[in-house]
C-alpha atoms as a PDB file:
ATOM      1  CA  MET A   1      11.874 -74.795 -25.252  1.00  0.00           C
ATOM      2  CA  GLY A   2      10.100 -72.750 -27.376  1.00  0.00           C
ATOM      3  CA  ASN A   3       6.892 -74.407 -27.092  1.00  0.00           C
ATOM      4  CA  VAL A   4       7.654 -73.874 -23.110  1.00  0.00           C
ATOM      5  CA  GLY A   5       8.007 -70.182 -23.684  1.00  0.00           C
ATOM      6  CA  LEU A   6       4.913 -70.019 -25.825  1.00  0.00           C
ATOM      7  CA  LEU A   7       2.917 -71.284 -22.859  1.00  0.00           C
ATOM      8  CA  PHE A   8       4.183 -68.418 -20.652  1.00  0.00           C
ATOM      9  CA  VAL A   9       3.301 -65.792 -23.703  1.00  0.00           C
ATOM     10  CA  GLY A  10      -0.245 -67.213 -22.935  1.00  0.00           C
ATOM     11  CA  ALA A  11       0.045 -66.533 -19.276  1.00  0.00           C
ATOM     12  CA  VAL A  12       1.315 -62.857 -19.411  1.00  0.00           C
ATOM     13  CA  LEU A  13      -0.844 -61.980 -22.452  1.00  0.00           C
ATOM     14  CA  PHE A  14      -4.134 -63.217 -19.972  1.00  0.00           C
ATOM     15  CA  MET A  15      -2.457 -61.354 -16.816  1.00  0.00           C
ATOM     16  CA  ASN A  16      -1.972 -58.199 -18.943  1.00  0.00           C
ATOM     17  CA  GLY A  17      -5.617 -58.494 -20.526  1.00  0.00           C
ATOM     18  CA  LEU A  18      -6.979 -58.611 -16.834  1.00  0.00           C
ATOM     19  CA  LEU A  19      -4.634 -55.562 -15.791  1.00  0.00           C
ATOM     20  CA  LEU A  20      -6.317 -53.689 -18.963  1.00  0.00           C
ATOM     21  CA  LEU A  21      -9.907 -54.638 -17.544  1.00  0.00           C
ATOM     22  CA  GLY A  22      -8.658 -53.482 -14.055  1.00  0.00           C
ATOM     23  CA  LYS A  23      -8.575 -56.741 -12.455  1.00  0.00           C
ATOM     24  CA  VAL A  24      -4.967 -57.339 -11.587  1.00  0.00           C
ATOM     25  CA  ASP A  25      -2.789 -54.330 -10.093  1.00  0.00           C
ATOM     26  CA  ALA A  26      -0.490 -52.248 -12.146  1.00  0.00           C
ATOM     27  CA  ARG A  27       2.503 -53.245 -10.043  1.00  0.00           C
ATOM     28  CA  ALA A  28       1.563 -56.602  -9.688  1.00  0.00           C
ATOM     29  CA  GLY A  29       1.308 -57.462 -13.391  1.00  0.00           C
ATOM     30  CA  ALA A  30       4.486 -55.505 -13.963  1.00  0.00           C
ATOM     31  CA  VAL A  31       6.934 -58.046 -11.966  1.00  0.00           C
ATOM     32  CA  PHE A  32       5.064 -60.946 -13.890  1.00  0.00           C
ATOM     33  CA  ASN A  33       6.049 -59.035 -17.243  1.00  0.00           C
ATOM     34  CA  LEU A  34       9.621 -58.918 -16.303  1.00  0.00           C
ATOM     35  CA  PHE A  35      10.002 -62.473 -15.389  1.00  0.00           C
ATOM     36  CA  ILE A  36       8.253 -63.271 -18.780  1.00  0.00           C
ATOM     37  CA  GLY A  37      10.615 -60.610 -20.541  1.00  0.00           C
ATOM     38  CA  ALA A  38      13.499 -62.200 -19.077  1.00  0.00           C
ATOM     39  CA  LEU A  39      12.417 -65.760 -20.633  1.00  0.00           C
ATOM     40  CA  GLN A  40      11.315 -64.423 -23.857  1.00  0.00           C
ATOM     41  CA  VAL A  41      14.886 -63.056 -24.615  1.00  0.00           C
ATOM     42  CA  LEU A  42      17.226 -65.646 -22.903  1.00  0.00           C
ATOM     43  CA  THR A  43      14.962 -68.516 -24.975  1.00  0.00           C
ATOM     44  CA  PRO A  44      15.630 -66.963 -28.580  1.00  0.00           C
ATOM     45  CA  THR A  45      19.229 -66.431 -27.475  1.00  0.00           C
ATOM     46  CA  TYR A  46      19.702 -70.066 -26.437  1.00  0.00           C
ATOM     47  CA  LEU A  47      18.153 -71.324 -29.470  1.00  0.00           C
ATOM     48  CA  ILE A  48      20.029 -69.089 -32.057  1.00  0.00           C
ATOM     49  CA  PHE A  49      23.433 -70.062 -30.443  1.00  0.00           C
ATOM     50  CA  THR A  50      22.488 -73.827 -30.764  1.00  0.00           C
ATOM     51  CA  ALA A  51      21.146 -73.599 -34.045  1.00  0.00           C
ATOM     52  CA  ASN A  52      24.440 -74.398 -35.577  1.00  0.00           C
ATOM     53  CA  GLY A  53      24.060 -71.449 -37.703  1.00  0.00           C
ATOM     54  CA  ASP A  54      21.024 -72.628 -39.630  1.00  0.00           C
ATOM     55  CA  PRO A  55      19.251 -70.015 -40.858  1.00  0.00           C
ATOM     56  CA  MET A  56      15.646 -71.223 -41.097  1.00  0.00           C
ATOM     57  CA  LYS A  57      16.204 -72.042 -37.086  1.00  0.00           C
ATOM     58  CA  ILE A  58      17.706 -68.504 -36.448  1.00  0.00           C
ATOM     59  CA  LEU A  59      14.567 -66.575 -38.409  1.00  0.00           C
ATOM     60  CA  ALA A  60      12.349 -68.928 -36.616  1.00  0.00           C
ATOM     61  CA  ALA A  61      13.728 -67.742 -33.124  1.00  0.00           C
ATOM     62  CA  SER A  62      14.258 -64.109 -33.848  1.00  0.00           C
ATOM     63  CA  GLY A  63      10.537 -63.221 -33.548  1.00  0.00           C
ATOM     64  CA  ILE A  64      10.717 -64.099 -29.874  1.00  0.00           C
ATOM     65  CA  TYR A  65      12.831 -61.173 -29.014  1.00  0.00           C
ATOM     66  CA  LEU A  66       9.705 -58.904 -30.255  1.00  0.00           C
ATOM     67  CA  PHE A  67       7.475 -59.998 -27.531  1.00  0.00           C
ATOM     68  CA  GLY A  68      10.549 -60.334 -24.978  1.00  0.00           C
ATOM     69  CA  PHE A  69      11.675 -56.693 -25.171  1.00  0.00           C
ATOM     70  CA  THR A  70       7.579 -55.988 -25.260  1.00  0.00           C
ATOM     71  CA  TYR A  71       7.045 -57.615 -21.782  1.00  0.00           C
ATOM     72  CA  LEU A  72      10.467 -55.997 -20.274  1.00  0.00           C
ATOM     73  CA  TYR A  73       9.354 -52.481 -21.873  1.00  0.00           C
ATOM     74  CA  VAL A  74       5.970 -52.709 -20.360  1.00  0.00           C
ATOM     75  CA  GLY A  75       7.089 -54.313 -16.675  1.00  0.00           C
ATOM     76  CA  ILE A  76       9.712 -51.419 -16.094  1.00  0.00           C
ATOM     77  CA  GLY A  77       7.249 -48.767 -17.422  1.00  0.00           C
ATOM     78  CA  LEU A  78       4.544 -49.782 -14.793  1.00  0.00           C
ATOM     79  CA  LEU A  79       7.147 -49.872 -11.990  1.00  0.00           C
ATOM     80  CA  THR A  80       8.645 -46.224 -12.820  1.00  0.00           C
ATOM     81  CA  GLY A  81       5.490 -44.460 -14.093  1.00  0.00           C
ATOM     82  CA  LEU A  82       7.072 -44.103 -17.341  1.00  0.00           C
ATOM     83  CA  ASP A  83       4.415 -42.833 -20.320  1.00  0.00           C
ATOM     84  CA  SER A  84       3.035 -45.473 -22.370  1.00  0.00           C
ATOM     85  CA  THR A  85       4.030 -43.684 -25.647  1.00  0.00           C
ATOM     86  CA  GLY A  86       7.463 -45.531 -26.106  1.00  0.00           C
ATOM     87  CA  VAL A  87       5.695 -48.820 -25.497  1.00  0.00           C
ATOM     88  CA  GLY A  88       2.674 -47.620 -28.124  1.00  0.00           C
ATOM     89  CA  TYR A  89       5.336 -47.200 -31.076  1.00  0.00           C
ATOM     90  CA  TYR A  90       7.425 -49.970 -30.303  1.00  0.00           C
ATOM     91  CA  SER A  91       4.069 -51.957 -30.562  1.00  0.00           C
ATOM     92  CA  LEU A  92       3.698 -50.485 -34.057  1.00  0.00           C
ATOM     93  CA  PHE A  93       6.967 -51.943 -34.947  1.00  0.00           C
ATOM     94  CA  VAL A  94       6.174 -55.048 -33.633  1.00  0.00           C
ATOM     95  CA  ALA A  95       2.698 -55.224 -35.458  1.00  0.00           C
ATOM     96  CA  VAL A  96       4.602 -54.597 -38.953  1.00  0.00           C
ATOM     97  CA  ALA A  97       7.413 -57.110 -38.591  1.00  0.00           C
ATOM     98  CA  ALA A  98       4.616 -59.780 -37.464  1.00  0.00           C
ATOM     99  CA  LEU A  99       2.972 -59.328 -40.462  1.00  0.00           C
ATOM    100  CA  GLY A 100       6.274 -60.332 -42.069  1.00  0.00           C
ATOM    101  CA  TYR A 101       6.580 -63.477 -39.735  1.00  0.00           C
ATOM    102  CA  SER A 102       3.084 -64.521 -40.748  1.00  0.00           C
ATOM    103  CA  PHE A 103       4.442 -64.358 -44.486  1.00  0.00           C
ATOM    104  CA  VAL A 104       7.558 -66.562 -43.437  1.00  0.00           C
ATOM    105  CA  ASN A 105       5.502 -68.794 -41.666  1.00  0.00           C
ATOM    106  CA  PHE A 106       2.914 -69.511 -44.539  1.00  0.00           C
ATOM    107  CA  ARG A 107       5.522 -69.224 -47.328  1.00  0.00           C
ATOM    108  CA  LEU A 108       9.064 -70.728 -45.988  1.00  0.00           C
ATOM    109  CA  PHE A 109       7.554 -73.042 -43.081  1.00  0.00           C
ATOM    110  CA  LYS A 110       4.352 -74.312 -44.739  1.00  0.00           C
ATOM    111  CA  ASP A 111       3.226 -73.967 -40.999  1.00  0.00           C
ATOM    112  CA  TYR A 112      -0.291 -72.426 -41.605  1.00  0.00           C
ATOM    113  CA  PRO A 113      -1.682 -72.453 -37.908  1.00  0.00           C
ATOM    114  CA  PHE A 114       1.502 -70.302 -36.889  1.00  0.00           C
ATOM    115  CA  GLY A 115       0.739 -67.922 -40.049  1.00  0.00           C
ATOM    116  CA  VAL A 116      -2.841 -67.386 -38.540  1.00  0.00           C
ATOM    117  CA  ILE A 117      -1.134 -66.770 -35.000  1.00  0.00           C
ATOM    118  CA  TRP A 118       1.269 -64.251 -36.287  1.00  0.00           C
ATOM    119  CA  LEU A 119      -2.002 -62.244 -37.693  1.00  0.00           C
ATOM    120  CA  TYR A 120      -3.594 -62.707 -34.384  1.00  0.00           C
ATOM    121  CA  TRP A 121      -0.223 -61.076 -32.481  1.00  0.00           C
ATOM    122  CA  ALA A 122      -0.211 -58.228 -35.526  1.00  0.00           C
ATOM    123  CA  TYR A 123      -3.713 -57.150 -34.826  1.00  0.00           C
ATOM    124  CA  LEU A 124      -3.081 -57.483 -31.107  1.00  0.00           C
ATOM    125  CA  TRP A 125      -0.009 -55.248 -31.092  1.00  0.00           C
ATOM    126  CA  PHE A 126      -1.662 -52.974 -33.478  1.00  0.00           C
ATOM    127  CA  LEU A 127      -4.245 -52.241 -30.870  1.00  0.00           C
ATOM    128  CA  PHE A 128      -1.561 -51.330 -28.580  1.00  0.00           C
ATOM    129  CA  PHE A 129      -0.078 -48.973 -30.386  1.00  0.00           C
ATOM    130  CA  LEU A 130      -3.629 -47.257 -30.826  1.00  0.00           C
ATOM    131  CA  LEU A 131      -4.115 -47.595 -26.946  1.00  0.00           C
ATOM    132  CA  LEU A 132      -0.830 -46.808 -25.596  1.00  0.00           C
ATOM    133  CA  GLY A 133       0.838 -44.774 -28.633  1.00  0.00           C
ATOM    134  CA  LEU A 134      -2.341 -42.488 -29.820  1.00  0.00           C
ATOM    135  CA  LYS A 135      -4.089 -42.927 -26.544  1.00  0.00           C
ATOM    136  CA  MET A 136      -7.315 -43.751 -27.823  1.00  0.00           C
ATOM    137  CA  ASP A 137      -8.680 -45.055 -24.237  1.00  0.00           C
ATOM    138  CA  SER A 138     -11.960 -45.666 -25.955  1.00  0.00           C
ATOM    139  CA  LEU A 139     -10.213 -49.291 -27.067  1.00  0.00           C
ATOM    140  CA  LYS A 140      -9.393 -49.964 -23.501  1.00  0.00           C
ATOM    141  CA  ILE A 141     -11.857 -52.716 -22.790  1.00  0.00           C
ATOM    142  CA  TYR A 142     -11.942 -54.079 -26.317  1.00  0.00           C
ATOM    143  CA  THR A 143      -7.904 -54.275 -26.137  1.00  0.00           C
ATOM    144  CA  GLY A 144      -8.238 -55.880 -22.613  1.00  0.00           C
ATOM    145  CA  TRP A 145     -10.431 -58.690 -23.786  1.00  0.00           C
ATOM    146  CA  VAL A 146      -8.659 -59.510 -26.939  1.00  0.00           C
ATOM    147  CA  THR A 147      -5.397 -59.602 -24.840  1.00  0.00           C
ATOM    148  CA  ALA A 148      -7.011 -62.212 -22.497  1.00  0.00           C
ATOM    149  CA  ILE A 149      -8.598 -63.968 -25.397  1.00  0.00           C
ATOM    150  CA  GLU A 150      -5.378 -64.315 -27.453  1.00  0.00           C
ATOM    151  CA  GLY A 151      -3.312 -65.282 -24.292  1.00  0.00           C
ATOM    152  CA  TRP A 152      -5.275 -68.472 -24.414  1.00  0.00           C
ATOM    153  CA  VAL A 153      -6.001 -69.006 -28.174  1.00  0.00           C
ATOM    154  CA  THR A 154      -2.262 -68.165 -29.437  1.00  0.00           C
ATOM    155  CA  GLY A 155      -0.243 -69.074 -26.326  1.00  0.00           C
ATOM    156  CA  ALA A 156      -1.421 -71.521 -23.623  1.00  0.00           C
ATOM    157  CA  ILE A 157      -3.861 -73.920 -25.822  1.00  0.00           C
ATOM    158  CA  PRO A 158      -1.029 -74.097 -28.811  1.00  0.00           C
ATOM    159  CA  ALA A 159       1.733 -74.636 -26.417  1.00  0.00           C
ATOM    160  CA  GLY A 160      -0.098 -77.571 -24.725  1.00  0.00           C
ATOM    161  CA  LEU A 161      -0.933 -79.235 -27.833  1.00  0.00           C
ATOM    162  CA  LEU A 162       2.297 -78.924 -28.844  1.00  0.00           C
ATOM    163  CA  LEU A 163       3.947 -80.317 -25.911  1.00  0.00           C
ATOM    164  CA  SER A 164       1.476 -83.386 -25.306  1.00  0.00           C
ATOM    165  CA  GLY A 165       2.016 -84.151 -29.169  1.00  0.00           C
ATOM    166  CA  TYR A 166      -1.927 -83.086 -29.950  1.00  0.00           C
ATOM    167  CA  TRP A 167      -0.736 -80.328 -32.442  1.00  0.00           C
ATOM    168  CA  LYS A 168      -2.072 -82.096 -35.505  1.00  0.00           C
ATOM    169  CA  HIS A 169      -4.480 -81.138 -38.758  1.00  0.00           C
ATOM    170  CA  PRO A 170      -2.603 -77.912 -39.739  1.00  0.00           C
ATOM    171  CA  THR A 171      -4.602 -76.824 -42.303  1.00  0.00           C
ATOM    172  CA  GLU A 172      -7.952 -77.299 -40.687  1.00  0.00           C
ATOM    173  CA  THR A 173      -6.565 -75.518 -37.592  1.00  0.00           C
ATOM    174  CA  ALA A 174      -5.633 -72.898 -39.323  1.00  0.00           C
ATOM    175  CA  ILE A 175      -8.809 -72.300 -40.782  1.00  0.00           C
ATOM    176  CA  ALA A 176     -10.772 -72.490 -37.410  1.00  0.00           C
ATOM    177  CA  LEU A 177      -7.896 -70.038 -36.047  1.00  0.00           C
ATOM    178  CA  ALA A 178      -9.114 -67.701 -38.660  1.00  0.00           C
ATOM    179  CA  ALA A 179     -12.677 -68.190 -38.343  1.00  0.00           C
ATOM    180  CA  PHE A 180     -12.635 -67.938 -34.527  1.00  0.00           C
ATOM    181  CA  GLY A 181     -10.749 -64.507 -34.638  1.00  0.00           C
ATOM    182  CA  VAL A 182     -12.950 -62.725 -37.210  1.00  0.00           C
ATOM    183  CA  VAL A 183     -15.980 -64.235 -35.392  1.00  0.00           C
ATOM    184  CA  VAL A 184     -14.981 -63.157 -31.810  1.00  0.00           C
ATOM    185  CA  PHE A 185     -13.197 -60.106 -32.457  1.00  0.00           C
ATOM    186  CA  VAL A 186     -15.722 -58.644 -34.514  1.00  0.00           C
ATOM    187  CA  GLY A 187     -18.604 -59.468 -32.230  1.00  0.00           C
ATOM    188  CA  LEU A 188     -17.156 -58.213 -29.060  1.00  0.00           C
ATOM    189  CA  TRP A 189     -16.615 -54.794 -30.551  1.00  0.00           C
ATOM    190  CA  PRO A 190     -19.879 -53.387 -30.156  1.00  0.00           C
ATOM    191  CA  ARG A 191     -20.306 -54.881 -26.708  1.00  0.00           C
ATOM    192  CA  THR A 192     -16.897 -53.438 -25.424  1.00  0.00           C
ATOM    193  CA  HIS A 193     -16.094 -50.404 -27.423  1.00  0.00           C
ATOM    194  CA  ARG A 194     -16.572 -47.101 -25.667  1.00  0.00           C
ATOM    195  CA  THR A 195     -17.481 -44.187 -28.202  1.00  0.00           C
ATOM    196  CA  PRO A 196     -15.896 -41.214 -26.744  1.00  0.00           C
ATOM    197  CA  ARG A 197     -18.661 -38.494 -26.048  1.00  0.00           C
ATOM    198  CA  PRO A 198     -18.423 -34.876 -27.016  1.00  0.00           C
ATOM    199  CA  THR A 199     -17.337 -32.503 -24.518  1.00  0.00           C
ATOM    200  CA  SER A 200     -19.935 -29.749 -24.274  1.00  0.00           C
ATOM    201  CA  ALA A 201     -18.453 -26.202 -24.211  1.00  0.00           C
ATOM    202  CA  ALA A 202     -18.292 -24.470 -21.076  1.00  0.00           C
ATOM    203  CA  PRO A 203     -20.876 -21.971 -20.188  1.00  0.00           C
ATOM    204  CA  ARG A 204     -20.223 -18.436 -20.544  1.00  0.00           C
ATOM    205  CA  PRO A 205     -20.335 -16.359 -17.365  1.00  0.00           C
ATOM    206  CA  GLY A 206     -23.973 -14.817 -16.844  1.00  0.00           C
ATOM    207  CA  GLY A 207     -25.063 -16.908 -19.943  1.00  0.00           C
ATOM    208  CA  VAL A 208     -27.842 -19.693 -20.111  1.00  0.00           C
ATOM    209  CA  GLY A 209     -27.010 -22.544 -18.152  1.00  0.00           C
ATOM    210  CA  ALA A 210     -24.280 -20.416 -16.014  1.00  0.00           C
ATOM    211  CA  PRO A 211     -24.151 -21.616 -12.361  1.00  0.00           C
ATOM    212  CA  THR A 212     -25.566 -19.100  -9.922  1.00  0.00           C
END
């Protein structure tokens, strides 16, 4: 069940990336965020209730709520016109929590690919904090591309491989994911980051450059 949810995490990240890039209408994207947000709240609730008190299963399921509440918050915010600051600072919380879940996957679960994937998510949600919380609009295009790419690399493709039984060679997969993330996200930076242009001071009335 968690793998099915992961597939749709990929879908909503891809859609949100397109939304940031101006390819998807905000209100249309909001509805899809609400769908996936609801799924990502119901899924961990079911997994926790059926875990029979197993602390490792409960721990593994608990991180899904981070995403479910993000998508619900984004969806409601887009539909109602809320300021994005709240989502931005919640994203900072998610980014820090994702580092913890990365450690858990590396250390406790020995799931090295998802240890790397949680690092991907920590980086992405930190970008959301910078863009939505601190209003660093120069990051919008870069964040849009990172979001869309992560939809496939951290969601849709791993989910497809897990559901079909082709998720194998964990150490090699983790190394490949780490290398891909560094190369692609560093390479995207100079192509998509917009440096804010300094605003010139308004000319004084009657001074040089003043309209006549």
